[in-house]
All heavy atoms as atom14 arrays in JSON, in Angstrom:
{
  "sequence": "LARALASRPRLLLLDEPAGGISHEEVGGVAALVQRIHRELDVTVLL",
  "atom14_mask": [
    [1, 1, 1, 1, 1, 1, 1, 1, 0, 0, 0, 0, 0, 0],
    [1, 1, 1, 1, 1, 0, 0, 0, 0, 0, 0, 0, 0, 0],
    [1, 1, 1, 1, 1, 1, 1, 1, 1, 1, 1, 0, 0, 0],
    [1, 1, 1, 1, 1, 0, 0, 0, 0, 0, 0, 0, 0, 0],
    [1, 1, 1, 1, 1, 1, 1, 1, 0, 0, 0, 0, 0, 0],
    [1, 1, 1, 1, 1, 0, 0, 0, 0, 0, 0, 0, 0, 0],
    [1, 1, 1, 1, 1, 1, 0, 0, 0, 0, 0, 0, 0, 0],
    [1, 1, 1, 1, 1, 1, 1, 1, 1, 1, 1, 0, 0, 0],
    [1, 1, 1, 1, 1, 1, 1, 0, 0, 0, 0, 0, 0, 0],
    [1, 1, 1, 1, 1, 1, 1, 1, 1, 1, 1, 0, 0, 0],
    [1, 1, 1, 1, 1, 1, 1, 1, 0, 0, 0, 0, 0, 0],
    [1, 1, 1, 1, 1, 1, 1, 1, 0, 0, 0, 0, 0, 0],
    [1, 1, 1, 1, 1, 1, 1, 1, 0, 0, 0, 0, 0, 0],
    [1, 1, 1, 1, 1, 1, 1, 1, 0, 0, 0, 0, 0, 0],
    [1, 1, 1, 1, 1, 1, 1, 1, 0, 0, 0, 0, 0, 0],
    [1, 1, 1, 1, 1, 1, 1, 1, 1, 0, 0, 0, 0, 0],
    [1, 1, 1, 1, 1, 1, 1, 0, 0, 0, 0, 0, 0, 0],
    [1, 1, 1, 1, 1, 0, 0, 0, 0, 0, 0, 0, 0, 0],
    [1, 1, 1, 1, 0, 0, 0, 0, 0, 0, 0, 0, 0, 0],
    [1, 1, 1, 1, 0, 0, 0, 0, 0, 0, 0, 0, 0, 0],
    [1, 1, 1, 1, 1, 1, 1, 1, 0, 0, 0, 0, 0, 0],
    [1, 1, 1, 1, 1, 1, 0, 0, 0, 0, 0, 0, 0, 0],
    [1, 1, 1, 1, 1, 1, 1, 1, 1, 1, 0, 0, 0, 0],
    [1, 1, 1, 1, 1, 1, 1, 1, 1, 0, 0, 0, 0, 0],
    [1, 1, 1, 1, 1, 1, 1, 1, 1, 0, 0, 0, 0, 0],
    [1, 1, 1, 1, 1, 1, 1, 0, 0, 0, 0, 0, 0, 0],
    [1, 1, 1, 1, 0, 0, 0, 0, 0, 0, 0, 0, 0, 0],
    [1, 1, 1, 1, 0, 0, 0, 0, 0, 0, 0, 0, 0, 0],
    [1, 1, 1, 1, 1, 1, 1, 0, 0, 0, 0, 0, 0, 0],
    [1, 1, 1, 1, 1, 0, 0, 0, 0, 0, 0, 0, 0, 0],
    [1, 1, 1, 1, 1, 0, 0, 0, 0, 0, 0, 0, 0, 0],
    [1, 1, 1, 1, 1, 1, 1, 1, 0, 0, 0, 0, 0, 0],
    [1, 1, 1, 1, 1, 1, 1, 0, 0, 0, 0, 0, 0, 0],
    [1, 1, 1, 1, 1, 1, 1, 1, 1, 0, 0, 0, 0, 0],
    [1, 1, 1, 1, 1, 1, 1, 1, 1, 1, 1, 0, 0, 0],
    [1, 1, 1, 1, 1, 1, 1, 1, 0, 0, 0, 0, 0, 0],
    [1, 1, 1, 1, 1, 1, 1, 1, 1, 1, 0, 0, 0, 0],
    [1, 1, 1, 1, 1, 1, 1, 1, 1, 1, 1, 0, 0, 0],
    [1, 1, 1, 1, 1, 1, 1, 1, 1, 0, 0, 0, 0, 0],
    [1, 1, 1, 1, 1, 1, 1, 1, 0, 0, 0, 0, 0, 0],
    [1, 1, 1, 1, 1, 1, 1, 1, 0, 0, 0, 0, 0, 0],
    [1, 1, 1, 1, 1, 1, 1, 0, 0, 0, 0, 0, 0, 0],
    [1, 1, 1, 1, 1, 1, 1, 0, 0, 0, 0, 0, 0, 0],
    [1, 1, 1, 1, 1, 1, 1, 0, 0, 0, 0, 0, 0, 0],
    [1, 1, 1, 1, 1, 1, 1, 1, 0, 0, 0, 0, 0, 0],
    [1, 1, 1, 1, 1, 1, 1, 1, 0, 0, 0, 0, 0, 0]
  ],
  "atom14_positions": [
    [[-11.05, -18.52, 0.47], [-12.25, -19.37, 0.26], [-11.84, -20.79, -0.05], [-12.46, -21.75, 0.51], [-13.03, -18.78, -0.88], [-14.39, -19.39, -1.18], [-15.29, -19.37, 0.07], [-15.12, -18.56, -2.3], [0.0, 0.0, 0.0], [0.0, 0.0, 0.0], [0.0, 0.0, 0.0], [0.0, 0.0, 0.0], [0.0, 0.0, 0.0], [0.0, 0.0, 0.0]],
    [[-10.82, -21.03, -0.87], [-10.35, -22.4, -1.15], [-9.89, -23.05, 0.11], [-10.1, -24.26, 0.34], [-9.29, -22.35, -2.19], [0.0, 0.0, 0.0], [0.0, 0.0, 0.0], [0.0, 0.0, 0.0], [0.0, 0.0, 0.0], [0.0, 0.0, 0.0], [0.0, 0.0, 0.0], [0.0, 0.0, 0.0], [0.0, 0.0, 0.0], [0.0, 0.0, 0.0]],
    [[-9.2, -22.3, 1.04], [-8.72, -22.86, 2.25], [-9.88, -23.33, 3.16], [-9.8, -24.38, 3.74], [-7.85, -21.85, 2.97], [-7.27, -22.36, 4.32], [-6.35, -21.39, 4.98], [-7.09, -20.2, 5.45], [-6.45, -19.16, 5.98], [-5.14, -19.17, 6.16], [-7.15, -18.13, 6.36], [0.0, 0.0, 0.0], [0.0, 0.0, 0.0], [0.0, 0.0, 0.0]],
    [[-10.92, -22.52, 3.19], [-12.05, -22.89, 3.99], [-12.73, -24.18, 3.42], [-13.12, -25.11, 4.13], [-13.05, -21.78, 4.02], [0.0, 0.0, 0.0], [0.0, 0.0, 0.0], [0.0, 0.0, 0.0], [0.0, 0.0, 0.0], [0.0, 0.0, 0.0], [0.0, 0.0, 0.0], [0.0, 0.0, 0.0], [0.0, 0.0, 0.0], [0.0, 0.0, 0.0]],
    [[-12.81, -24.28, 2.1], [-13.43, -25.38, 1.41], [-12.63, -26.66, 1.6], [-13.15, -27.79, 1.58], [-13.68, -25.09, -0.07], [-14.65, -24.0, -0.36], [-14.71, -23.67, -1.83], [-16.09, -24.4, 0.09], [0.0, 0.0, 0.0], [0.0, 0.0, 0.0], [0.0, 0.0, 0.0], [0.0, 0.0, 0.0], [0.0, 0.0, 0.0], [0.0, 0.0, 0.0]],
    [[-11.32, -26.56, 1.72], [-10.45, -27.72, 1.89], [-10.8, -28.5, 3.12], [-10.52, -29.72, 3.13], [-8.97, -27.27, 1.89], [0.0, 0.0, 0.0], [0.0, 0.0, 0.0], [0.0, 0.0, 0.0], [0.0, 0.0, 0.0], [0.0, 0.0, 0.0], [0.0, 0.0, 0.0], [0.0, 0.0, 0.0], [0.0, 0.0, 0.0], [0.0, 0.0, 0.0]],
    [[-11.36, -27.86, 4.1], [-11.72, -28.61, 5.33], [-13.04, -29.36, 5.22], [-13.54, -29.91, 6.17], [-11.84, -27.61, 6.54], [-12.91, -26.71, 6.34], [0.0, 0.0, 0.0], [0.0, 0.0, 0.0], [0.0, 0.0, 0.0], [0.0, 0.0, 0.0], [0.0, 0.0, 0.0], [0.0, 0.0, 0.0], [0.0, 0.0, 0.0], [0.0, 0.0, 0.0]],
    [[-13.65, -29.33, 4.01], [-14.85, -30.1, 3.74], [-16.02, -29.63, 4.67], [-16.62, -30.46, 5.37], [-14.67, -31.59, 3.8], [-13.68, -32.13, 2.82], [-13.58, -33.64, 2.89], [-12.6, -34.2, 2.04], [-12.75, -34.45, 0.73], [-13.94, -34.23, 0.16], [-11.79, -34.99, 0.01], [0.0, 0.0, 0.0], [0.0, 0.0, 0.0], [0.0, 0.0, 0.0]],
    [[-16.36, -28.37, 4.7], [-17.36, -27.88, 5.66], [-18.78, -28.3, 5.21], [-19.07, -28.43, 3.98], [-17.18, -26.38, 5.59], [-16.76, -26.07, 4.23], [-15.84, -27.28, 3.89], [0.0, 0.0, 0.0], [0.0, 0.0, 0.0], [0.0, 0.0, 0.0], [0.0, 0.0, 0.0], [0.0, 0.0, 0.0], [0.0, 0.0, 0.0], [0.0, 0.0, 0.0]],
    [[-19.65, -28.46, 6.17], [-21.12, -28.51, 5.91], [-21.73, -27.12, 5.97], [-22.69, -26.86, 5.24], [-21.77, -29.4, 6.91], [-21.4, -30.93, 6.81], [-22.11, -31.69, 7.85], [-21.73, -31.32, 9.18], [-22.53, -31.5, 10.28], [-23.73, -31.99, 10.17], [-22.1, -31.09, 11.5], [0.0, 0.0, 0.0], [0.0, 0.0, 0.0], [0.0, 0.0, 0.0]],
    [[-21.16, -26.3, 6.79], [-21.61, -24.93, 6.96], [-20.44, -24.0, 6.75], [-19.39, -24.11, 7.43], [-22.2, -24.69, 8.38], [-22.61, -23.26, 8.71], [-23.73, -22.78, 7.8], [-23.04, -23.19, 10.17], [0.0, 0.0, 0.0], [0.0, 0.0, 0.0], [0.0, 0.0, 0.0], [0.0, 0.0, 0.0], [0.0, 0.0, 0.0], [0.0, 0.0, 0.0]],
    [[-20.59, -23.06, 5.83], [-19.51, -22.08, 5.49], [-19.98, -20.7, 5.88], [-20.99, -20.22, 5.41], [-19.2, -22.16, 4.01], [-18.12, -21.2, 3.46], [-16.77, -21.46, 4.14], [-18.05, -21.32, 1.95], [0.0, 0.0, 0.0], [0.0, 0.0, 0.0], [0.0, 0.0, 0.0], [0.0, 0.0, 0.0], [0.0, 0.0, 0.0], [0.0, 0.0, 0.0]],
    [[-19.16, -20.03, 6.71], [-19.42, -18.65, 7.13], [-18.55, -17.72, 6.36], [-17.33, -17.88, 6.39], [-19.2, -18.48, 8.65], [-20.32, -18.81, 9.62], [-20.79, -20.25, 9.38], [-19.9, -18.58, 11.05], [0.0, 0.0, 0.0], [0.0, 0.0, 0.0], [0.0, 0.0, 0.0], [0.0, 0.0, 0.0], [0.0, 0.0, 0.0], [0.0, 0.0, 0.0]],
    [[-19.18, -16.8, 5.6], [-18.4, -15.87, 4.75], [-18.6, -14.46, 5.33], [-19.72, -13.92, 5.32], [-18.93, -15.9, 3.33], [-18.9, -17.26, 2.62], [-19.54, -17.17, 1.24], [-17.47, -17.78, 2.5], [0.0, 0.0, 0.0], [0.0, 0.0, 0.0], [0.0, 0.0, 0.0], [0.0, 0.0, 0.0], [0.0, 0.0, 0.0], [0.0, 0.0, 0.0]],
    [[-17.48, -13.83, 5.77], [-17.54, -12.53, 6.34], [-17.15, -11.5, 5.25], [-16.01, -11.36, 4.9], [-16.56, -12.41, 7.52], [-16.83, -11.22, 8.44], [-17.61, -10.33, 7.99], [-16.32, -11.16, 9.56], [0.0, 0.0, 0.0], [0.0, 0.0, 0.0], [0.0, 0.0, 0.0], [0.0, 0.0, 0.0], [0.0, 0.0, 0.0], [0.0, 0.0, 0.0]],
    [[-18.17, -10.84, 4.72], [-18.03, -9.82, 3.67], [-17.3, -10.33, 2.44], [-16.18, -9.83, 2.08], [-17.42, -8.53, 4.22], [-18.23, -7.88, 5.35], [-17.88, -6.44, 5.6], [-17.33, -5.8, 4.63], [-18.23, -5.95, 6.65], [0.0, 0.0, 0.0], [0.0, 0.0, 0.0], [0.0, 0.0, 0.0], [0.0, 0.0, 0.0], [0.0, 0.0, 0.0]],
    [[-17.82, -11.36, 1.78], [-17.13, -11.92, 0.58], [-16.96, -10.92, -0.54], [-16.05, -11.04, -1.37], [-18.03, -13.08, 0.22], [-19.35, -12.82, 0.82], [-19.05, -12.07, 2.06], [0.0, 0.0, 0.0], [0.0, 0.0, 0.0], [0.0, 0.0, 0.0], [0.0, 0.0, 0.0], [0.0, 0.0, 0.0], [0.0, 0.0, 0.0], [0.0, 0.0, 0.0]],
    [[-17.87, -9.92, -0.63], [-17.82, -8.93, -1.67], [-17.12, -7.65, -1.29], [-17.02, -6.7, -2.01], [-19.22, -8.63, -2.19], [0.0, 0.0, 0.0], [0.0, 0.0, 0.0], [0.0, 0.0, 0.0], [0.0, 0.0, 0.0], [0.0, 0.0, 0.0], [0.0, 0.0, 0.0], [0.0, 0.0, 0.0], [0.0, 0.0, 0.0], [0.0, 0.0, 0.0]],
    [[-16.63, -7.59, 0.0], [-15.99, -6.39, 0.49], [-14.61, -6.16, -0.13], [-13.78, -7.06, -0.19], [0.0, 0.0, 0.0], [0.0, 0.0, 0.0], [0.0, 0.0, 0.0], [0.0, 0.0, 0.0], [0.0, 0.0, 0.0], [0.0, 0.0, 0.0], [0.0, 0.0, 0.0], [0.0, 0.0, 0.0], [0.0, 0.0, 0.0], [0.0, 0.0, 0.0]],
    [[-14.34, -4.9, -0.53], [-13.04, -4.51, -0.95], [-12.69, -4.92, -2.37], [-11.55, -4.84, -2.77], [0.0, 0.0, 0.0], [0.0, 0.0, 0.0], [0.0, 0.0, 0.0], [0.0, 0.0, 0.0], [0.0, 0.0, 0.0], [0.0, 0.0, 0.0], [0.0, 0.0, 0.0], [0.0, 0.0, 0.0], [0.0, 0.0, 0.0], [0.0, 0.0, 0.0]],
    [[-13.66, -5.49, -3.14], [-13.35, -5.92, -4.54], [-14.12, -5.03, -5.49], [-15.07, -4.33, -5.13], [-13.66, -7.39, -4.77], [-15.17, -7.67, -4.57], [-12.86, -8.24, -3.79], [-15.58, -9.08, -4.84], [0.0, 0.0, 0.0], [0.0, 0.0, 0.0], [0.0, 0.0, 0.0], [0.0, 0.0, 0.0], [0.0, 0.0, 0.0], [0.0, 0.0, 0.0]],
    [[-13.73, -5.1, -6.74], [-14.35, -4.21, -7.75], [-15.73, -4.67, -8.1], [-16.16, -5.82, -7.83], [-13.48, -4.21, -9.01], [-13.55, -5.46, -9.66], [0.0, 0.0, 0.0], [0.0, 0.0, 0.0], [0.0, 0.0, 0.0], [0.0, 0.0, 0.0], [0.0, 0.0, 0.0], [0.0, 0.0, 0.0], [0.0, 0.0, 0.0], [0.0, 0.0, 0.0]],
    [[-16.49, -3.72, -8.68], [-17.89, -4.07, -9.08], [-17.86, -5.21, -10.05], [-18.76, -6.07, -9.99], [-18.51, -2.82, -9.73], [-19.93, -3.03, -10.23], [-20.97, -3.16, -9.39], [-20.37, -3.22, -11.55], [-22.06, -3.4, -10.13], [-21.71, -3.45, -11.4], [0.0, 0.0, 0.0], [0.0, 0.0, 0.0], [0.0, 0.0, 0.0], [0.0, 0.0, 0.0]],
    [[-16.91, -5.25, -10.91], [-16.81, -6.36, -11.9], [-16.59, -7.75, -11.23], [-17.06, -8.75, -11.72], [-15.73, -6.08, -12.91], [-15.96, -4.95, -13.87], [-15.83, -3.57, -13.21], [-15.22, -3.51, -12.11], [-16.34, -2.58, -13.74], [0.0, 0.0, 0.0], [0.0, 0.0, 0.0], [0.0, 0.0, 0.0], [0.0, 0.0, 0.0], [0.0, 0.0, 0.0]],
    [[-15.87, -7.7, -10.11], [-15.55, -8.93, -9.44], [-16.74, -9.45, -8.6], [-16.77, -10.68, -8.3], [-14.32, -8.78, -8.49], [-13.01, -8.59, -9.23], [-11.82, -8.27, -8.27], [-12.01, -7.25, -7.5], [-10.9, -9.01, -8.31], [0.0, 0.0, 0.0], [0.0, 0.0, 0.0], [0.0, 0.0, 0.0], [0.0, 0.0, 0.0], [0.0, 0.0, 0.0]],
    [[-17.61, -8.59, -8.19], [-18.69, -8.99, -7.29], [-19.55, -10.02, -7.91], [-19.97, -11.05, -7.27], [-19.56, -7.78, -6.88], [-20.84, -8.2, -6.19], [-18.75, -6.83, -5.99], [0.0, 0.0, 0.0], [0.0, 0.0, 0.0], [0.0, 0.0, 0.0], [0.0, 0.0, 0.0], [0.0, 0.0, 0.0], [0.0, 0.0, 0.0], [0.0, 0.0, 0.0]],
    [[-19.9, -9.91, -9.2], [-20.72, -10.87, -9.87], [-20.04, -12.22, -9.9], [-20.72, -13.29, -9.76], [0.0, 0.0, 0.0], [0.0, 0.0, 0.0], [0.0, 0.0, 0.0], [0.0, 0.0, 0.0], [0.0, 0.0, 0.0], [0.0, 0.0, 0.0], [0.0, 0.0, 0.0], [0.0, 0.0, 0.0], [0.0, 0.0, 0.0], [0.0, 0.0, 0.0]],
    [[-18.75, -12.25, -10.1], [-18.01, -13.52, -10.13], [-18.03, -14.21, -8.76], [-18.14, -15.44, -8.7], [0.0, 0.0, 0.0], [0.0, 0.0, 0.0], [0.0, 0.0, 0.0], [0.0, 0.0, 0.0], [0.0, 0.0, 0.0], [0.0, 0.0, 0.0], [0.0, 0.0, 0.0], [0.0, 0.0, 0.0], [0.0, 0.0, 0.0], [0.0, 0.0, 0.0]],
    [[-17.89, -13.43, -7.7], [-17.94, -14.0, -6.38], [-19.3, -14.52, -6.04], [-19.45, -15.62, -5.44], [-17.49, -12.95, -5.29], [-17.69, -13.49, -3.88], [-16.05, -12.57, -5.52], [0.0, 0.0, 0.0], [0.0, 0.0, 0.0], [0.0, 0.0, 0.0], [0.0, 0.0, 0.0], [0.0, 0.0, 0.0], [0.0, 0.0, 0.0], [0.0, 0.0, 0.0]],
    [[-20.36, -13.76, -6.44], [-21.71, -14.29, -6.2], [-21.98, -15.6, -6.91], [-22.52, -16.59, -6.36], [-22.73, -13.22, -6.74], [0.0, 0.0, 0.0], [0.0, 0.0, 0.0], [0.0, 0.0, 0.0], [0.0, 0.0, 0.0], [0.0, 0.0, 0.0], [0.0, 0.0, 0.0], [0.0, 0.0, 0.0], [0.0, 0.0, 0.0], [0.0, 0.0, 0.0]],
    [[-21.48, -15.73, -8.16], [-21.64, -16.95, -8.93], [-20.86, -18.09, -8.25], [-21.27, -19.25, -8.24], [-21.15, -16.74, -10.4], [0.0, 0.0, 0.0], [0.0, 0.0, 0.0], [0.0, 0.0, 0.0], [0.0, 0.0, 0.0], [0.0, 0.0, 0.0], [0.0, 0.0, 0.0], [0.0, 0.0, 0.0], [0.0, 0.0, 0.0], [0.0, 0.0, 0.0]],
    [[-19.67, -17.79, -7.68], [-18.88, -18.76, -7.02], [-19.53, -19.27, -5.76], [-19.52, -20.49, -5.5], [-17.49, -18.2, -6.68], [-16.52, -19.12, -6.01], [-16.26, -20.42, -6.85], [-15.17, -18.44, -5.8], [0.0, 0.0, 0.0], [0.0, 0.0, 0.0], [0.0, 0.0, 0.0], [0.0, 0.0, 0.0], [0.0, 0.0, 0.0], [0.0, 0.0, 0.0]],
    [[-20.12, -18.35, -4.96], [-20.86, -18.81, -3.81], [-22.02, -19.74, -4.13], [-22.24, -20.74, -3.46], [-21.29, -17.54, -2.98], [-22.26, -17.99, -1.81], [-20.14, -16.8, -2.44], [0.0, 0.0, 0.0], [0.0, 0.0, 0.0], [0.0, 0.0, 0.0], [0.0, 0.0, 0.0], [0.0, 0.0, 0.0], [0.0, 0.0, 0.0], [0.0, 0.0, 0.0]],
    [[-22.7, -19.38, -5.21], [-23.83, -20.23, -5.64], [-23.36, -21.59, -6.12], [-24.01, -22.58, -5.88], [-24.55, -19.51, -6.77], [-25.38, -18.27, -6.27], [-26.04, -17.51, -7.4], [-25.38, -17.19, -8.39], [-27.31, -17.21, -7.23], [0.0, 0.0, 0.0], [0.0, 0.0, 0.0], [0.0, 0.0, 0.0], [0.0, 0.0, 0.0], [0.0, 0.0, 0.0]],
    [[-22.17, -21.64, -6.75], [-21.63, -22.95, -7.15], [-21.23, -23.77, -5.93], [-21.45, -24.96, -5.89], [-20.39, -22.72, -8.06], [-20.67, -22.35, -9.44], [-19.31, -22.35, -10.27], [-18.75, -23.71, -10.27], [-17.44, -23.91, -10.19], [-16.57, -22.91, -10.12], [-16.96, -25.15, -10.2], [0.0, 0.0, 0.0], [0.0, 0.0, 0.0], [0.0, 0.0, 0.0]],
    [[-20.61, -23.13, -4.96], [-20.26, -23.8, -3.69], [-21.52, -24.43, -3.06], [-21.5, -25.62, -2.66], [-19.58, -22.84, -2.73], [-18.22, -22.48, -3.26], [-19.49, -23.45, -1.29], [-17.59, -21.28, -2.5], [0.0, 0.0, 0.0], [0.0, 0.0, 0.0], [0.0, 0.0, 0.0], [0.0, 0.0, 0.0], [0.0, 0.0, 0.0], [0.0, 0.0, 0.0]],
    [[-22.58, -23.67, -3.02], [-23.82, -24.11, -2.38], [-24.42, -25.25, -3.19], [-24.84, -26.28, -2.65], [-24.77, -22.93, -2.37], [-26.23, -23.29, -2.03], [-27.25, -23.12, -2.87], [-26.74, -23.88, -0.91], [-28.36, -23.52, -2.28], [-28.08, -24.0, -1.12], [0.0, 0.0, 0.0], [0.0, 0.0, 0.0], [0.0, 0.0, 0.0], [0.0, 0.0, 0.0]],
    [[-24.43, -25.14, -4.52], [-25.12, -26.08, -5.37], [-24.27, -27.27, -5.64], [-24.75, -28.46, -5.5], [-25.47, -25.38, -6.7], [-26.21, -26.28, -7.7], [-26.56, -25.49, -8.94], [-25.4, -25.07, -9.69], [-24.96, -23.82, -9.74], [-25.64, -22.88, -9.1], [-23.89, -23.52, -10.4], [0.0, 0.0, 0.0], [0.0, 0.0, 0.0], [0.0, 0.0, 0.0]],
    [[-23.04, -27.12, -6.04], [-22.18, -28.28, -6.46], [-21.49, -29.0, -5.32], [-21.27, -30.22, -5.41], [-21.16, -27.76, -7.51], [-21.77, -27.21, -8.75], [-20.73, -26.72, -9.74], [-19.55, -27.14, -9.69], [-21.08, -25.83, -10.56], [0.0, 0.0, 0.0], [0.0, 0.0, 0.0], [0.0, 0.0, 0.0], [0.0, 0.0, 0.0], [0.0, 0.0, 0.0]],
    [[-21.15, -28.32, -4.24], [-20.49, -28.92, -3.09], [-21.46, -29.22, -1.95], [-21.04, -29.75, -0.92], [-19.36, -28.01, -2.61], [-18.27, -27.67, -3.6], [-17.18, -26.83, -2.93], [-17.65, -28.92, -4.24], [0.0, 0.0, 0.0], [0.0, 0.0, 0.0], [0.0, 0.0, 0.0], [0.0, 0.0, 0.0], [0.0, 0.0, 0.0], [0.0, 0.0, 0.0]],
    [[-22.73, -28.89, -2.12], [-23.76, -29.17, -1.11], [-23.38, -28.57, 0.22], [-23.43, -29.21, 1.28], [-23.98, -30.62, -1.01], [-25.27, -30.98, -0.22], [-26.19, -30.14, -0.19], [-25.34, -32.07, 0.38], [0.0, 0.0, 0.0], [0.0, 0.0, 0.0], [0.0, 0.0, 0.0], [0.0, 0.0, 0.0], [0.0, 0.0, 0.0], [0.0, 0.0, 0.0]],
    [[-22.95, -27.28, 0.19], [-22.58, -26.59, 1.47], [-23.64, -25.49, 1.78], [-24.07, -24.74, 0.92], [-21.18, -25.89, 1.23], [-20.81, -25.04, 2.43], [-20.15, -26.91, 0.93], [0.0, 0.0, 0.0], [0.0, 0.0, 0.0], [0.0, 0.0, 0.0], [0.0, 0.0, 0.0], [0.0, 0.0, 0.0], [0.0, 0.0, 0.0], [0.0, 0.0, 0.0]],
    [[-24.04, -25.51, 3.02], [-24.92, -24.5, 3.58], [-24.1, -23.24, 3.83], [-22.98, -23.36, 4.32], [-25.61, -24.98, 4.85], [-26.35, -26.17, 4.56], [-26.56, -23.94, 5.4], [0.0, 0.0, 0.0], [0.0, 0.0, 0.0], [0.0, 0.0, 0.0], [0.0, 0.0, 0.0], [0.0, 0.0, 0.0], [0.0, 0.0, 0.0], [0.0, 0.0, 0.0]],
    [[-24.59, -22.08, 3.5], [-23.85, -20.86, 3.57], [-24.52, -19.85, 4.5], [-25.75, -19.62, 4.37], [-23.62, -20.23, 2.2], [-22.87, -18.89, 2.3], [-22.86, -21.21, 1.3], [0.0, 0.0, 0.0], [0.0, 0.0, 0.0], [0.0, 0.0, 0.0], [0.0, 0.0, 0.0], [0.0, 0.0, 0.0], [0.0, 0.0, 0.0], [0.0, 0.0, 0.0]],
    [[-23.75, -19.24, 5.37], [-24.23, -18.05, 6.16], [-23.23, -16.93, 5.92], [-22.03, -17.13, 6.16], [-24.27, -18.42, 7.61], [-24.71, -17.22, 8.58], [-26.09, -16.7, 8.25], [-24.56, -17.64, 10.03], [0.0, 0.0, 0.0], [0.0, 0.0, 0.0], [0.0, 0.0, 0.0], [0.0, 0.0, 0.0], [0.0, 0.0, 0.0], [0.0, 0.0, 0.0]],
    [[-23.71, -15.8, 5.34], [-22.76, -14.77, 5.05], [-23.17, -13.45, 5.71], [-24.31, -13.17, 5.97], [-22.68, -14.58, 3.55], [-23.94, -14.22, 2.72], [-24.04, -12.72, 2.58], [-23.96, -14.93, 1.4], [0.0, 0.0, 0.0], [0.0, 0.0, 0.0], [0.0, 0.0, 0.0], [0.0, 0.0, 0.0], [0.0, 0.0, 0.0], [0.0, 0.0, 0.0]]
  ]
}
């Protein structure tokens, strides 16, 4: 995810960002995607 963000995208495509991680980690990833959208002004398609 950091690698994708380093390219300064306007549109970020996330292919199963919650796949293969624990239930506890899912909430953290959701919060991170929301921060990317809100703080970095990135449109997201997942």
